[in-house]
Every structure is written in structure tokens, then in C-alpha cells.
């Protein structure tokens, strides 16, 4: 099943799997990606400022 770039990024941003397990705040996936990229590397554990601004 092939999904569009927008569908993929919407799903990542909506993810709440770690809610209540690792952080003292609501999960907010933060990433920067280009639709033309052949590889996407995703990481976790942004600092408070990244969580608040949404910018990596």
C-alpha cells in the first residue's frame, strides 16, 4: 500500500504511542523532511524548546 507524502507526515504528527510513558508533556513528533528525499531518518527526545516550537 503506497500512501502520499502528506498522508505519511499527517500520520507521524498525529502519533501518540508514547503518551504517558516517557515524557512529562504531550507527545509532539518533530521532524523535517522533503518529499523528494530517498531516505528519512527519524529520531526522538527533543528538548523543551523543540517541543514548544515544533522546529528541529
C-alpha atoms as a PDB file:
ATOM      1  CA  UNK A   1       0.000   0.000   0.000  1.00  0.00           C
ATOM      2  CA  UNK A   2       1.506   3.295  -1.079  1.00  0.00           C
ATOM      3  CA  UNK A   3       0.464   6.470   0.727  1.00  0.00           C
ATOM      4  CA  UNK A   4       1.127  10.039  -0.214  1.00  0.00           C
ATOM      5  CA  UNK A   5       3.765  12.181   1.453  1.00  0.00           C
ATOM      6  CA  UNK A   6       1.065  14.294   3.132  1.00  0.00           C
ATOM      7  CA  UNK A   7      -0.758  11.227   4.464  1.00  0.00           C
ATOM      8  CA  UNK A   8       2.517   9.918   5.858  1.00  0.00           C
ATOM      9  CA  UNK A   9       3.507  13.178   7.560  1.00  0.00           C
ATOM     10  CA  UNK A  10      -0.016  13.626   8.968  1.00  0.00           C
ATOM     11  CA  UNK A  11       0.169  10.142  10.491  1.00  0.00           C
ATOM     12  CA  UNK A  12       3.576  10.839  12.041  1.00  0.00           C
ATOM     13  CA  UNK A  13       2.417  14.162  13.504  1.00  0.00           C
ATOM     14  CA  UNK A  14      -0.713  12.521  14.951  1.00  0.00           C
ATOM     15  CA  UNK A  15       1.190   9.666  16.633  1.00  0.00           C
ATOM     16  CA  UNK A  16       0.667   9.456  20.409  1.00  0.00           C
ATOM     17  CA  UNK A  17       2.130   5.995  21.101  1.00  0.00           C
ATOM     18  CA  UNK A  18       4.446   7.215  23.846  1.00  0.00           C
ATOM     19  CA  UNK A  19       1.734   9.229  25.658  1.00  0.00           C
ATOM     20  CA  UNK A  20       2.144   8.785  29.391  1.00  0.00           C
ATOM     21  CA  UNK A  21       5.261   6.618  29.145  1.00  0.00           C
ATOM     22  CA  UNK A  22       8.345   8.736  28.612  1.00  0.00           C
ATOM     23  CA  UNK A  23       7.627  12.444  28.893  1.00  0.00           C
ATOM     24  CA  UNK A  24       6.020  14.913  31.264  1.00  0.00           C
ATOM     25  CA  UNK A  25       4.310  16.579  28.298  1.00  0.00           C
ATOM     26  CA  UNK A  26       2.028  15.538  25.463  1.00  0.00           C
ATOM     27  CA  UNK A  27       3.881  13.809  22.597  1.00  0.00           C
ATOM     28  CA  UNK A  28       4.639  16.053  19.631  1.00  0.00           C
ATOM     29  CA  UNK A  29       6.585  14.360  16.860  1.00  0.00           C
ATOM     30  CA  UNK A  30       9.026  16.859  15.357  1.00  0.00           C
ATOM     31  CA  UNK A  31      10.776  16.280  12.055  1.00  0.00           C
ATOM     32  CA  UNK A  32      11.933  17.982   8.904  1.00  0.00           C
ATOM     33  CA  UNK A  33      11.530  16.112   5.630  1.00  0.00           C
ATOM     34  CA  UNK A  34      11.417  16.741   1.916  1.00  0.00           C
ATOM     35  CA  UNK A  35       9.004  14.852  -0.350  1.00  0.00           C
ATOM     36  CA  UNK A  36      11.849  14.193  -2.788  1.00  0.00           C
ATOM     37  CA  UNK A  37      14.158  12.614  -0.181  1.00  0.00           C
ATOM     38  CA  UNK A  38      15.044   8.974  -0.777  1.00  0.00           C
ATOM     39  CA  UNK A  39      15.840   8.357   2.902  1.00  0.00           C
ATOM     40  CA  UNK A  40      14.194   9.716   6.054  1.00  0.00           C
ATOM     41  CA  UNK A  41      15.914   9.407   9.417  1.00  0.00           C
ATOM     42  CA  UNK A  42      13.668   9.943  12.421  1.00  0.00           C
ATOM     43  CA  UNK A  43      14.792  10.441  15.999  1.00  0.00           C
ATOM     44  CA  UNK A  44      13.187  11.135  19.360  1.00  0.00           C
ATOM     45  CA  UNK A  45      13.956  13.036  22.552  1.00  0.00           C
ATOM     46  CA  UNK A  46      13.818  16.692  21.532  1.00  0.00           C
ATOM     47  CA  UNK A  47      14.415  19.289  24.200  1.00  0.00           C
ATOM     48  CA  UNK A  48      11.718  21.519  25.673  1.00  0.00           C
ATOM     49  CA  UNK A  49      12.361  24.340  23.151  1.00  0.00           C
ATOM     50  CA  UNK A  50      12.000  21.997  20.179  1.00  0.00           C
ATOM     51  CA  UNK A  51       8.809  20.583  21.679  1.00  0.00           C
ATOM     52  CA  UNK A  52       7.364  24.080  22.149  1.00  0.00           C
ATOM     53  CA  UNK A  53       8.337  25.473  18.730  1.00  0.00           C
ATOM     54  CA  UNK A  54       7.932  22.329  16.632  1.00  0.00           C
ATOM     55  CA  UNK A  55      11.204  23.115  14.839  1.00  0.00           C
ATOM     56  CA  UNK A  56      14.159  20.713  14.971  1.00  0.00           C
END
